Each structure stands twice: as structure tokens, then as C-alpha cells.
Amino acid sequence: MRALIVLGGEAPGRGLLAACVRQADLTIAADSGLAAFDVAGLMPDLLIGDMDSIDPALLARCDGVPQERLRCVKDDTDGVHALDSAIARGADRITLLGALGGRMDHALANLMLLVRAHRAGAFAEILTQRVRIIRVPGEAVLRGAKGDTVSFLPLGDARGVTLTGFFYPLSGHDLHSDYPLGVSNVVTQDEARVSVKSGDLLMFHNLP
């Protein structure tokens, strides 16, 4: 099952949001992510959050949307709750919009959701107009991306990284979080591959 979660970072464009909604079986607004739905003239299937950053007037207009209201004082984020709720409802492919922009610590926290989804048996991606970010699930293939800029950055250590079809190839190399070796590679073949033996490796595919 495909789920879409809209977070409260930089709002997605209407076209991107509408396209993702059409592909989703379940749509979730995480707190102020509700505003993006409202601007696009759409409503989510579910609203999750402590509602501390939503315009009260908007919240009142959307009172028919089912809600999971959270405490303001809590150890985790609205994004974590939204991700866990989607997975609990059967989602195994999850797209996150509104995950970047705004506070840098929030953006990093949202990148960590890609790892959390993987460890729960689901696949998640962060998507904007400019970039697609995934946790490499053992192996990933890029087709038709020749000339695109792609970066590979580990959360912690990523061991046994192999890149083929890129300007800077690697063969069984270990990447570490204290040295950004994988920044700004370029796809040189019609089909490019990345594989990793262990660890959490993020792929940032900068979209043309």
C-alpha cells in the first residue's frame, strides 16, 4: 500500500502534491502539513499532530478530517507518529513531502525517517521538485538519469559501497560520516547502480 505524508517544512508545489495524492492509497498531513493540502484544494485522509503550528481557522475548516491529536510535550516528532501510523495501517511504500526547508534540525530528523521506515520493513522516499532522497536498500538502479548529479552520504558508516555508471566509481568502499566523499557524483551511463553491504546510505538524486 502506498502512503503519502506531508510534513511542515517547505511546502510542495500544487502539481507535485496532486500527483502524489493520485498515486497514494492513504494521505496523511502531519500537523502544519495540512496547509499544503488546503492551498491545493485537497483534504488528507488523516491529520496527525499536536496542532501547535496550524492556523486555528484552518483547523476549524478541516474538522471533518479524522485526527490523531498528540501531546505537545513528547519525546518524538509528529513525523515519527505519522510514519508509524502509516506503517501500522499497512503502508509499505511511503512518500514524504514537506520534509526539507525550514529548520535544519527538522530536516535531519526527517532524513532519519527513511532509516526508521526501512527498519520497520517499509520503503520511504523524500521528494521535492529538486531532489529525491532514499535510503539505499542494498542495491538501487538509476535508469535514464545520464548527466544527473547524485550524492551518497552515510548516516554513521556505510560499508562495501559500490558505484557503477558514475563519473567517480567505487568498488567495495567504506563511507564514513566524518568525510563527505560521496558528494556531487554524476551519472555517466544510461543505467547506473549503487550497492551497499551494510549501514545506512542515503542517495540524493538531484532532479533536472
N, C-alpha and C. Protein backbone atom coordinates (compact mmCIF):
# COMPACT_ATOMS: atom_id res chain seq x y z
N MET A 1 0.84 -1.19 0.00
CA MET A 1 0.00 0.00 0.00
C MET A 1 0.88 1.24 0.00
N ARG A 2 0.49 2.22 -0.81
CA ARG A 2 1.24 3.47 -0.90
C ARG A 2 0.63 4.52 0.04
N ALA A 3 1.48 5.21 0.78
CA ALA A 3 1.03 6.29 1.63
C ALA A 3 1.79 7.56 1.29
N LEU A 4 1.13 8.67 1.46
CA LEU A 4 1.72 9.99 1.30
C LEU A 4 1.62 10.71 2.63
N ILE A 5 2.76 11.25 3.09
CA ILE A 5 2.79 12.05 4.31
C ILE A 5 3.32 13.42 3.95
N VAL A 6 2.59 14.47 4.30
CA VAL A 6 3.04 15.84 4.07
C VAL A 6 3.40 16.45 5.41
N LEU A 7 4.67 16.83 5.54
CA LEU A 7 5.20 17.41 6.76
C LEU A 7 5.18 18.93 6.66
N GLY A 8 5.65 19.59 7.73
CA GLY A 8 5.50 21.03 7.82
C GLY A 8 6.69 21.84 7.36
N GLY A 9 7.59 21.26 6.55
CA GLY A 9 8.72 22.02 6.03
C GLY A 9 8.31 22.83 4.82
N GLU A 10 9.24 22.99 3.87
CA GLU A 10 8.92 23.75 2.66
C GLU A 10 7.79 23.07 1.92
N ALA A 11 6.72 23.82 1.66
CA ALA A 11 5.52 23.22 1.08
C ALA A 11 5.78 22.75 -0.34
N PRO A 12 5.26 21.59 -0.71
CA PRO A 12 5.40 21.12 -2.09
C PRO A 12 4.53 21.96 -3.02
N GLY A 13 4.91 22.02 -4.30
CA GLY A 13 4.06 22.68 -5.28
C GLY A 13 2.76 21.93 -5.46
N ARG A 14 1.76 22.63 -5.94
CA ARG A 14 0.44 22.01 -6.11
C ARG A 14 0.50 20.81 -7.05
N GLY A 15 1.27 20.95 -8.13
CA GLY A 15 1.34 19.86 -9.11
C GLY A 15 1.96 18.61 -8.52
N LEU A 16 3.05 18.79 -7.78
CA LEU A 16 3.71 17.63 -7.15
C LEU A 16 2.79 16.99 -6.13
N LEU A 17 2.15 17.80 -5.31
CA LEU A 17 1.25 17.26 -4.29
C LEU A 17 0.09 16.51 -4.95
N ALA A 18 -0.51 17.10 -5.96
CA ALA A 18 -1.65 16.45 -6.62
C ALA A 18 -1.24 15.13 -7.25
N ALA A 19 -0.05 15.09 -7.86
CA ALA A 19 0.42 13.85 -8.48
C ALA A 19 0.64 12.76 -7.44
N CYS A 20 1.21 13.14 -6.31
CA CYS A 20 1.46 12.16 -5.24
C CYS A 20 0.15 11.69 -4.61
N VAL A 21 -0.82 12.58 -4.48
CA VAL A 21 -2.12 12.20 -3.94
C VAL A 21 -2.78 11.16 -4.85
N ARG A 22 -2.68 11.36 -6.16
CA ARG A 22 -3.31 10.41 -7.10
C ARG A 22 -2.71 9.02 -6.98
N GLN A 23 -1.45 8.93 -6.63
CA GLN A 23 -0.79 7.63 -6.54
C GLN A 23 -0.97 6.96 -5.18
N ALA A 24 -1.46 7.69 -4.19
CA ALA A 24 -1.49 7.20 -2.81
C ALA A 24 -2.82 6.54 -2.47
N ASP A 25 -2.72 5.48 -1.67
CA ASP A 25 -3.90 4.85 -1.10
C ASP A 25 -4.31 5.50 0.22
N LEU A 26 -3.35 6.17 0.86
CA LEU A 26 -3.58 6.82 2.15
C LEU A 26 -2.80 8.12 2.16
N THR A 27 -3.46 9.23 2.53
CA THR A 27 -2.80 10.52 2.62
C THR A 27 -2.88 11.05 4.05
N ILE A 28 -1.75 11.51 4.56
CA ILE A 28 -1.66 11.98 5.93
C ILE A 28 -1.02 13.36 5.95
N ALA A 29 -1.61 14.27 6.69
CA ALA A 29 -1.00 15.56 6.98
C ALA A 29 -0.43 15.50 8.39
N ALA A 30 0.85 15.80 8.51
CA ALA A 30 1.49 15.86 9.83
C ALA A 30 1.49 17.32 10.28
N ASP A 31 0.60 17.64 11.20
CA ASP A 31 0.48 18.98 11.77
C ASP A 31 0.35 20.03 10.67
N SER A 32 1.29 20.98 10.58
CA SER A 32 1.13 22.10 9.65
C SER A 32 1.25 21.69 8.19
N GLY A 33 1.56 20.43 7.92
CA GLY A 33 1.48 19.93 6.55
C GLY A 33 0.06 20.04 6.00
N LEU A 34 -0.91 20.22 6.88
CA LEU A 34 -2.30 20.39 6.46
C LEU A 34 -2.45 21.60 5.53
N ALA A 35 -1.63 22.64 5.76
CA ALA A 35 -1.75 23.86 4.97
C ALA A 35 -1.49 23.60 3.49
N ALA A 36 -0.56 22.70 3.17
CA ALA A 36 -0.28 22.39 1.77
C ALA A 36 -1.49 21.77 1.09
N PHE A 37 -2.18 20.88 1.78
CA PHE A 37 -3.41 20.31 1.23
C PHE A 37 -4.44 21.40 0.98
N ASP A 38 -4.58 22.30 1.94
CA ASP A 38 -5.58 23.36 1.85
C ASP A 38 -5.31 24.27 0.65
N VAL A 39 -4.06 24.66 0.46
CA VAL A 39 -3.69 25.53 -0.65
C VAL A 39 -4.01 24.86 -1.99
N ALA A 40 -3.83 23.55 -2.05
CA ALA A 40 -4.08 22.80 -3.29
C ALA A 40 -5.55 22.42 -3.46
N GLY A 41 -6.40 22.80 -2.49
CA GLY A 41 -7.81 22.46 -2.57
C GLY A 41 -8.09 20.99 -2.32
N LEU A 42 -7.22 20.36 -1.51
CA LEU A 42 -7.35 18.93 -1.21
C LEU A 42 -7.51 18.73 0.28
N MET A 43 -7.93 17.54 0.67
CA MET A 43 -8.04 17.17 2.07
C MET A 43 -7.32 15.83 2.28
N PRO A 44 -6.57 15.68 3.37
CA PRO A 44 -5.95 14.39 3.66
C PRO A 44 -6.96 13.42 4.24
N ASP A 45 -6.58 12.15 4.22
CA ASP A 45 -7.42 11.14 4.86
C ASP A 45 -7.30 11.19 6.38
N LEU A 46 -6.16 11.73 6.86
CA LEU A 46 -5.88 11.71 8.29
C LEU A 46 -4.98 12.88 8.63
N LEU A 47 -5.23 13.50 9.79
CA LEU A 47 -4.40 14.58 10.33
C LEU A 47 -3.79 14.10 11.63
N ILE A 48 -2.46 14.18 11.72
CA ILE A 48 -1.75 13.73 12.91
C ILE A 48 -0.87 14.86 13.42
N GLY A 49 -0.91 15.13 14.72
CA GLY A 49 0.00 16.13 15.27
C GLY A 49 -0.51 16.69 16.57
N ASP A 50 0.33 17.54 17.18
CA ASP A 50 -0.10 18.22 18.40
C ASP A 50 -0.84 19.52 18.09
N MET A 51 -0.93 19.86 16.82
CA MET A 51 -1.70 21.00 16.31
C MET A 51 -1.18 22.34 16.83
N ASP A 52 0.11 22.38 17.18
CA ASP A 52 0.65 23.61 17.75
C ASP A 52 1.08 24.61 16.68
N SER A 53 1.12 24.18 15.42
CA SER A 53 1.58 25.09 14.37
C SER A 53 0.56 25.23 13.23
N ILE A 54 -0.69 24.88 13.50
CA ILE A 54 -1.75 25.01 12.50
C ILE A 54 -2.60 26.23 12.82
N ASP A 55 -2.90 27.01 11.80
CA ASP A 55 -3.81 28.13 11.95
C ASP A 55 -5.16 27.60 12.48
N PRO A 56 -5.64 28.13 13.61
CA PRO A 56 -6.91 27.63 14.18
C PRO A 56 -8.07 27.70 13.19
N ALA A 57 -8.06 28.72 12.33
CA ALA A 57 -9.14 28.83 11.35
C ALA A 57 -9.09 27.68 10.35
N LEU A 58 -7.88 27.31 9.94
CA LEU A 58 -7.73 26.16 9.04
C LEU A 58 -8.15 24.88 9.74
N LEU A 59 -7.76 24.73 10.98
CA LEU A 59 -8.14 23.53 11.73
C LEU A 59 -9.66 23.42 11.84
N ALA A 60 -10.32 24.56 12.03
CA ALA A 60 -11.79 24.56 12.13
C ALA A 60 -12.42 24.16 10.80
N ARG A 61 -11.85 24.63 9.68
CA ARG A 61 -12.41 24.29 8.36
C ARG A 61 -12.26 22.81 8.06
N CYS A 62 -11.27 22.18 8.68
CA CYS A 62 -10.98 20.78 8.39
C CYS A 62 -11.44 19.85 9.51
N ASP A 63 -12.46 20.28 10.25
CA ASP A 63 -12.87 19.49 11.41
C ASP A 63 -13.48 18.16 11.03
N GLY A 64 -13.79 17.96 9.75
CA GLY A 64 -14.31 16.67 9.31
C GLY A 64 -13.25 15.65 9.01
N VAL A 65 -11.98 16.06 9.01
CA VAL A 65 -10.87 15.13 8.75
C VAL A 65 -10.56 14.34 10.02
N PRO A 66 -10.50 13.02 9.97
CA PRO A 66 -10.13 12.24 11.16
C PRO A 66 -8.77 12.70 11.70
N GLN A 67 -8.67 12.76 13.03
CA GLN A 67 -7.47 13.29 13.65
C GLN A 67 -6.89 12.33 14.69
N GLU A 68 -5.56 12.32 14.75
CA GLU A 68 -4.85 11.72 15.87
C GLU A 68 -4.12 12.86 16.56
N ARG A 69 -4.69 13.34 17.65
CA ARG A 69 -4.14 14.51 18.33
C ARG A 69 -3.11 14.04 19.37
N LEU A 70 -1.92 14.62 19.29
CA LEU A 70 -0.80 14.25 20.15
C LEU A 70 -0.57 15.30 21.22
N ARG A 71 0.11 14.89 22.26
CA ARG A 71 0.52 15.84 23.29
C ARG A 71 1.62 16.76 22.76
N CYS A 72 1.64 18.00 23.21
CA CYS A 72 2.72 18.91 22.81
C CYS A 72 4.04 18.51 23.46
N VAL A 73 3.97 17.97 24.67
CA VAL A 73 5.19 17.54 25.37
C VAL A 73 5.35 16.04 25.11
N LYS A 74 6.35 15.71 24.27
CA LYS A 74 6.56 14.32 23.89
C LYS A 74 8.00 14.14 23.47
N ASP A 75 8.44 12.88 23.39
CA ASP A 75 9.84 12.59 23.06
C ASP A 75 10.10 12.53 21.57
N ASP A 76 9.09 12.24 20.77
CA ASP A 76 9.32 12.10 19.33
C ASP A 76 8.63 13.24 18.58
N THR A 77 8.59 13.12 17.26
CA THR A 77 8.06 14.19 16.42
C THR A 77 6.74 13.78 15.79
N ASP A 78 6.03 14.78 15.26
CA ASP A 78 4.80 14.48 14.53
C ASP A 78 5.11 13.59 13.33
N GLY A 79 6.29 13.80 12.71
CA GLY A 79 6.68 12.98 11.57
C GLY A 79 6.84 11.52 11.92
N VAL A 80 7.44 11.24 13.08
CA VAL A 80 7.59 9.86 13.53
C VAL A 80 6.22 9.22 13.72
N HIS A 81 5.31 9.94 14.37
CA HIS A 81 3.97 9.40 14.59
C HIS A 81 3.25 9.15 13.26
N ALA A 82 3.40 10.08 12.32
CA ALA A 82 2.74 9.91 11.02
C ALA A 82 3.30 8.70 10.28
N LEU A 83 4.62 8.54 10.29
CA LEU A 83 5.24 7.39 9.64
C LEU A 83 4.78 6.09 10.29
N ASP A 84 4.83 6.03 11.61
CA ASP A 84 4.44 4.81 12.31
C ASP A 84 2.96 4.48 12.06
N SER A 85 2.14 5.52 12.00
CA SER A 85 0.70 5.32 11.77
C SER A 85 0.46 4.77 10.37
N ALA A 86 1.19 5.28 9.38
CA ALA A 86 1.04 4.78 8.02
C ALA A 86 1.44 3.32 7.93
N ILE A 87 2.56 2.97 8.55
CA ILE A 87 3.03 1.58 8.52
C ILE A 87 2.06 0.67 9.26
N ALA A 88 1.53 1.14 10.37
CA ALA A 88 0.56 0.34 11.13
C ALA A 88 -0.70 0.07 10.32
N ARG A 89 -1.03 0.96 9.39
CA ARG A 89 -2.20 0.79 8.54
C ARG A 89 -1.90 -0.03 7.29
N GLY A 90 -0.67 -0.52 7.16
CA GLY A 90 -0.33 -1.40 6.07
C GLY A 90 0.51 -0.80 4.96
N ALA A 91 0.95 0.44 5.12
CA ALA A 91 1.76 1.07 4.08
C ALA A 91 3.14 0.43 4.02
N ASP A 92 3.58 0.08 2.81
CA ASP A 92 4.93 -0.44 2.64
C ASP A 92 5.77 0.43 1.70
N ARG A 93 5.13 1.42 1.07
CA ARG A 93 5.83 2.42 0.26
C ARG A 93 5.30 3.79 0.66
N ILE A 94 6.20 4.66 1.09
CA ILE A 94 5.79 5.93 1.70
C ILE A 94 6.55 7.07 1.05
N THR A 95 5.84 8.08 0.59
CA THR A 95 6.44 9.30 0.07
C THR A 95 6.26 10.41 1.09
N LEU A 96 7.34 11.11 1.38
CA LEU A 96 7.33 12.22 2.31
C LEU A 96 7.53 13.52 1.56
N LEU A 97 6.57 14.43 1.65
CA LEU A 97 6.70 15.77 1.11
C LEU A 97 6.81 16.77 2.26
N GLY A 98 7.36 17.95 1.99
CA GLY A 98 7.49 18.96 3.04
C GLY A 98 8.48 18.57 4.11
N ALA A 99 9.43 17.68 3.76
CA ALA A 99 10.38 17.18 4.76
C ALA A 99 11.62 18.06 4.89
N LEU A 100 11.86 18.93 3.90
CA LEU A 100 13.06 19.75 3.89
C LEU A 100 12.68 21.23 3.99
N GLY A 101 13.69 22.09 4.06
CA GLY A 101 13.43 23.52 4.23
C GLY A 101 13.15 23.83 5.69
N GLY A 102 13.08 25.10 6.01
CA GLY A 102 12.82 25.46 7.40
C GLY A 102 14.02 25.14 8.26
N ARG A 103 13.78 24.63 9.46
CA ARG A 103 14.85 24.36 10.41
C ARG A 103 15.70 23.17 9.97
N MET A 104 17.02 23.34 10.07
CA MET A 104 17.93 22.29 9.63
C MET A 104 17.81 21.05 10.50
N ASP A 105 17.57 21.23 11.81
CA ASP A 105 17.44 20.06 12.68
C ASP A 105 16.20 19.26 12.33
N HIS A 106 15.13 19.93 11.93
CA HIS A 106 13.93 19.22 11.50
C HIS A 106 14.20 18.44 10.21
N ALA A 107 14.96 19.04 9.31
CA ALA A 107 15.28 18.35 8.05
C ALA A 107 16.08 17.08 8.33
N LEU A 108 17.08 17.17 9.23
CA LEU A 108 17.87 15.99 9.56
C LEU A 108 16.99 14.94 10.24
N ALA A 109 16.11 15.38 11.12
CA ALA A 109 15.20 14.44 11.78
C ALA A 109 14.34 13.72 10.75
N ASN A 110 13.92 14.43 9.70
CA ASN A 110 13.09 13.80 8.67
C ASN A 110 13.90 12.84 7.80
N LEU A 111 15.18 13.13 7.58
CA LEU A 111 16.03 12.17 6.87
C LEU A 111 16.11 10.85 7.65
N MET A 112 16.11 10.95 8.96
CA MET A 112 16.17 9.75 9.79
C MET A 112 14.92 8.88 9.63
N LEU A 113 13.81 9.48 9.17
CA LEU A 113 12.60 8.70 8.94
C LEU A 113 12.79 7.65 7.85
N LEU A 114 13.71 7.91 6.92
CA LEU A 114 13.98 6.92 5.86
C LEU A 114 14.56 5.64 6.46
N VAL A 115 15.41 5.81 7.46
CA VAL A 115 16.00 4.66 8.15
C VAL A 115 14.94 3.97 9.00
N ARG A 116 14.12 4.76 9.68
CA ARG A 116 13.08 4.17 10.52
C ARG A 116 12.11 3.33 9.69
N ALA A 117 11.75 3.84 8.52
CA ALA A 117 10.84 3.08 7.65
C ALA A 117 11.48 1.75 7.25
N HIS A 118 12.75 1.79 6.86
CA HIS A 118 13.45 0.56 6.46
C HIS A 118 13.44 -0.46 7.59
N ARG A 119 13.72 -0.02 8.79
CA ARG A 119 13.79 -0.96 9.92
C ARG A 119 12.43 -1.51 10.30
N ALA A 120 11.37 -0.85 9.83
CA ALA A 120 10.02 -1.36 10.05
C ALA A 120 9.52 -2.17 8.87
N GLY A 121 10.39 -2.41 7.87
CA GLY A 121 10.01 -3.23 6.73
C GLY A 121 9.33 -2.48 5.60
N ALA A 122 9.44 -1.14 5.60
CA ALA A 122 8.82 -0.34 4.55
C ALA A 122 9.90 0.44 3.79
N PHE A 123 9.53 0.94 2.63
CA PHE A 123 10.44 1.77 1.82
C PHE A 123 9.89 3.19 1.80
N ALA A 124 10.73 4.17 2.12
CA ALA A 124 10.30 5.56 2.13
C ALA A 124 11.21 6.41 1.26
N GLU A 125 10.64 7.46 0.72
CA GLU A 125 11.40 8.44 -0.07
C GLU A 125 10.99 9.84 0.34
N ILE A 126 11.95 10.76 0.30
CA ILE A 126 11.67 12.18 0.45
C ILE A 126 11.72 12.78 -0.94
N LEU A 127 10.72 13.56 -1.28
CA LEU A 127 10.61 14.10 -2.62
C LEU A 127 10.33 15.59 -2.58
N THR A 128 11.06 16.36 -3.40
CA THR A 128 10.75 17.76 -3.68
C THR A 128 10.80 17.95 -5.18
N GLN A 129 10.59 19.17 -5.63
CA GLN A 129 10.71 19.46 -7.06
C GLN A 129 12.14 19.27 -7.53
N ARG A 130 13.11 19.35 -6.59
CA ARG A 130 14.53 19.40 -6.97
C ARG A 130 15.31 18.14 -6.62
N VAL A 131 14.82 17.31 -5.72
CA VAL A 131 15.63 16.19 -5.27
C VAL A 131 14.74 15.03 -4.80
N ARG A 132 15.23 13.82 -5.00
CA ARG A 132 14.63 12.61 -4.44
C ARG A 132 15.68 11.96 -3.56
N ILE A 133 15.29 11.64 -2.33
CA ILE A 133 16.22 11.06 -1.36
C ILE A 133 15.67 9.73 -0.90
N ILE A 134 16.52 8.70 -0.92
CA ILE A 134 16.14 7.40 -0.41
C ILE A 134 17.28 6.85 0.44
N ARG A 135 16.95 5.87 1.28
CA ARG A 135 17.97 5.03 1.89
C ARG A 135 18.19 3.87 0.93
N VAL A 136 19.42 3.68 0.48
CA VAL A 136 19.69 2.63 -0.50
C VAL A 136 19.37 1.27 0.12
N PRO A 137 18.43 0.53 -0.46
CA PRO A 137 18.00 -0.75 0.11
C PRO A 137 18.85 -1.92 -0.39
N GLY A 138 20.12 -1.92 -0.07
CA GLY A 138 21.01 -2.96 -0.58
C GLY A 138 21.53 -2.61 -1.95
N GLU A 139 20.62 -2.41 -2.91
CA GLU A 139 21.01 -2.00 -4.27
C GLU A 139 19.92 -1.12 -4.85
N ALA A 140 20.34 -0.12 -5.61
CA ALA A 140 19.40 0.74 -6.31
C ALA A 140 19.93 0.97 -7.72
N VAL A 141 19.00 1.11 -8.66
CA VAL A 141 19.34 1.31 -10.06
C VAL A 141 18.73 2.62 -10.54
N LEU A 142 19.54 3.41 -11.23
CA LEU A 142 19.06 4.63 -11.87
C LEU A 142 19.07 4.42 -13.38
N ARG A 143 17.91 4.57 -14.00
CA ARG A 143 17.80 4.44 -15.45
C ARG A 143 17.35 5.77 -16.05
N GLY A 144 17.94 6.12 -17.17
CA GLY A 144 17.56 7.34 -17.86
C GLY A 144 17.95 8.60 -17.11
N ALA A 145 18.99 8.52 -16.28
CA ALA A 145 19.41 9.67 -15.47
C ALA A 145 20.79 10.18 -15.88
N LYS A 146 21.22 9.84 -17.07
CA LYS A 146 22.57 10.23 -17.52
C LYS A 146 22.73 11.74 -17.45
N GLY A 147 23.82 12.19 -16.82
CA GLY A 147 24.08 13.61 -16.65
C GLY A 147 23.59 14.19 -15.35
N ASP A 148 22.76 13.46 -14.61
CA ASP A 148 22.23 13.95 -13.34
C ASP A 148 23.30 13.89 -12.25
N THR A 149 23.20 14.82 -11.31
CA THR A 149 24.09 14.86 -10.16
C THR A 149 23.48 14.06 -9.01
N VAL A 150 24.26 13.16 -8.43
CA VAL A 150 23.80 12.29 -7.35
C VAL A 150 24.85 12.28 -6.25
N SER A 151 24.39 12.41 -5.01
CA SER A 151 25.31 12.33 -3.87
C SER A 151 24.94 11.13 -3.00
N PHE A 152 25.97 10.56 -2.37
CA PHE A 152 25.78 9.41 -1.48
C PHE A 152 26.42 9.76 -0.13
N LEU A 153 25.58 9.82 0.90
CA LEU A 153 26.06 10.19 2.23
C LEU A 153 25.57 9.19 3.25
N PRO A 154 26.45 8.73 4.15
CA PRO A 154 26.04 7.75 5.14
C PRO A 154 25.52 8.42 6.41
N LEU A 155 24.59 7.77 7.06
CA LEU A 155 24.24 8.12 8.44
C LEU A 155 24.99 7.13 9.32
N GLY A 156 26.11 7.57 9.87
CA GLY A 156 27.02 6.65 10.54
C GLY A 156 28.02 6.13 9.50
N ASP A 157 28.21 4.83 9.45
CA ASP A 157 29.11 4.21 8.48
C ASP A 157 28.31 3.37 7.49
N ALA A 158 28.71 3.44 6.22
CA ALA A 158 28.13 2.58 5.19
C ALA A 158 29.28 1.78 4.58
N ARG A 159 29.21 0.47 4.66
CA ARG A 159 30.35 -0.38 4.29
C ARG A 159 30.07 -1.13 2.98
N GLY A 160 31.16 -1.30 2.22
CA GLY A 160 31.06 -2.05 0.97
C GLY A 160 30.24 -1.36 -0.09
N VAL A 161 30.47 -0.06 -0.27
CA VAL A 161 29.70 0.70 -1.26
C VAL A 161 30.33 0.54 -2.64
N THR A 162 29.52 0.16 -3.62
CA THR A 162 29.97 0.01 -5.00
C THR A 162 29.11 0.88 -5.90
N LEU A 163 29.76 1.68 -6.73
CA LEU A 163 29.08 2.54 -7.69
C LEU A 163 29.55 2.21 -9.09
N THR A 164 28.63 1.92 -9.98
CA THR A 164 28.97 1.69 -11.39
C THR A 164 28.08 2.59 -12.25
N GLY A 165 28.65 3.11 -13.33
CA GLY A 165 27.91 4.01 -14.19
C GLY A 165 27.95 5.44 -13.72
N PHE A 166 28.91 5.76 -12.85
CA PHE A 166 29.10 7.12 -12.33
C PHE A 166 30.49 7.63 -12.71
N PHE A 167 30.65 8.96 -12.74
CA PHE A 167 31.94 9.57 -13.05
C PHE A 167 33.00 9.13 -12.04
N TYR A 168 32.61 9.07 -10.76
CA TYR A 168 33.51 8.60 -9.71
C TYR A 168 33.03 7.22 -9.26
N PRO A 169 33.58 6.13 -9.79
CA PRO A 169 33.14 4.79 -9.39
C PRO A 169 33.76 4.41 -8.04
N LEU A 170 33.12 3.48 -7.40
CA LEU A 170 33.65 2.88 -6.17
C LEU A 170 33.48 1.38 -6.25
N SER A 171 34.34 0.65 -5.55
CA SER A 171 34.24 -0.80 -5.50
C SER A 171 34.48 -1.27 -4.08
N GLY A 172 33.40 -1.61 -3.38
CA GLY A 172 33.52 -2.12 -2.02
C GLY A 172 34.11 -1.12 -1.04
N HIS A 173 33.85 0.16 -1.24
CA HIS A 173 34.45 1.21 -0.41
C HIS A 173 33.58 1.48 0.82
N ASP A 174 34.23 1.82 1.93
CA ASP A 174 33.50 2.21 3.13
C ASP A 174 33.38 3.73 3.19
N LEU A 175 32.16 4.22 3.42
CA LEU A 175 31.91 5.64 3.58
C LEU A 175 31.63 5.94 5.05
N HIS A 176 32.18 7.05 5.55
CA HIS A 176 32.06 7.40 6.96
C HIS A 176 31.49 8.81 7.09
N SER A 177 30.83 9.06 8.22
CA SER A 177 30.14 10.33 8.40
C SER A 177 31.08 11.49 8.70
N ASP A 178 32.39 11.24 8.82
CA ASP A 178 33.32 12.35 9.06
C ASP A 178 34.01 12.83 7.78
N TYR A 179 33.62 12.25 6.60
CA TYR A 179 34.25 12.66 5.35
C TYR A 179 33.26 12.49 4.21
N PRO A 180 32.81 13.59 3.58
CA PRO A 180 31.74 13.51 2.57
C PRO A 180 32.26 13.14 1.18
N LEU A 181 32.86 11.98 1.07
CA LEU A 181 33.44 11.53 -0.19
C LEU A 181 32.40 11.43 -1.30
N GLY A 182 31.16 11.10 -0.94
CA GLY A 182 30.16 10.80 -1.95
C GLY A 182 29.39 11.98 -2.50
N VAL A 183 29.80 13.20 -2.18
CA VAL A 183 29.06 14.38 -2.64
C VAL A 183 29.31 14.64 -4.13
N SER A 184 28.25 14.98 -4.85
CA SER A 184 28.31 15.50 -6.22
C SER A 184 29.00 14.55 -7.20
N ASN A 185 28.49 13.33 -7.28
CA ASN A 185 28.87 12.43 -8.35
C ASN A 185 27.95 12.70 -9.55
N VAL A 186 28.29 12.13 -10.69
CA VAL A 186 27.49 12.36 -11.90
C VAL A 186 27.24 11.03 -12.60
N VAL A 187 25.99 10.79 -13.01
CA VAL A 187 25.65 9.59 -13.76
C VAL A 187 26.22 9.71 -15.18
N THR A 188 26.95 8.68 -15.61
CA THR A 188 27.58 8.71 -16.94
C THR A 188 27.03 7.65 -17.89
N GLN A 189 26.18 6.76 -17.39
CA GLN A 189 25.64 5.68 -18.22
C GLN A 189 24.11 5.72 -18.19
N ASP A 190 23.50 5.08 -19.18
CA ASP A 190 22.04 5.01 -19.21
C ASP A 190 21.49 4.23 -18.03
N GLU A 191 22.30 3.31 -17.50
CA GLU A 191 21.92 2.57 -16.30
C GLU A 191 23.07 2.63 -15.31
N ALA A 192 22.82 3.18 -14.14
CA ALA A 192 23.82 3.29 -13.08
C ALA A 192 23.33 2.53 -11.86
N ARG A 193 24.28 1.95 -11.12
CA ARG A 193 23.92 1.13 -9.97
C ARG A 193 24.73 1.53 -8.74
N VAL A 194 24.06 1.43 -7.59
CA VAL A 194 24.73 1.61 -6.31
C VAL A 194 24.34 0.42 -5.44
N SER A 195 25.31 -0.13 -4.73
CA SER A 195 25.02 -1.18 -3.77
C SER A 195 25.81 -0.92 -2.51
N VAL A 196 25.29 -1.41 -1.39
CA VAL A 196 25.94 -1.24 -0.10
C VAL A 196 25.73 -2.53 0.69
N LYS A 197 26.79 -2.99 1.34
CA LYS A 197 26.71 -4.25 2.07
C LYS A 197 26.08 -4.08 3.45
N SER A 198 26.40 -2.97 4.12
CA SER A 198 25.81 -2.75 5.44
C SER A 198 25.84 -1.26 5.76
N GLY A 199 24.94 -0.84 6.63
CA GLY A 199 24.87 0.55 7.04
C GLY A 199 23.77 1.30 6.32
N ASP A 200 23.58 2.54 6.74
CA ASP A 200 22.50 3.38 6.21
C ASP A 200 23.09 4.42 5.26
N LEU A 201 22.94 4.17 3.97
CA LEU A 201 23.47 5.04 2.93
C LEU A 201 22.32 5.79 2.27
N LEU A 202 22.38 7.12 2.29
CA LEU A 202 21.36 7.93 1.66
C LEU A 202 21.81 8.35 0.26
N MET A 203 20.88 8.26 -0.69
CA MET A 203 21.14 8.70 -2.05
C MET A 203 20.32 9.95 -2.32
N PHE A 204 20.99 11.02 -2.71
CA PHE A 204 20.35 12.30 -3.05
C PHE A 204 20.42 12.44 -4.58
N HIS A 205 19.32 12.23 -5.25
CA HIS A 205 19.26 12.33 -6.70
C HIS A 205 18.71 13.72 -7.04
N ASN A 206 19.60 14.61 -7.49
CA ASN A 206 19.19 15.96 -7.83
C ASN A 206 18.51 15.93 -9.19
N LEU A 207 17.23 16.32 -9.22
CA LEU A 207 16.41 16.17 -10.40
C LEU A 207 16.64 17.32 -11.37
N PRO A 208 16.68 17.04 -12.66
CA PRO A 208 16.94 18.10 -13.65
C PRO A 208 15.75 19.04 -13.79
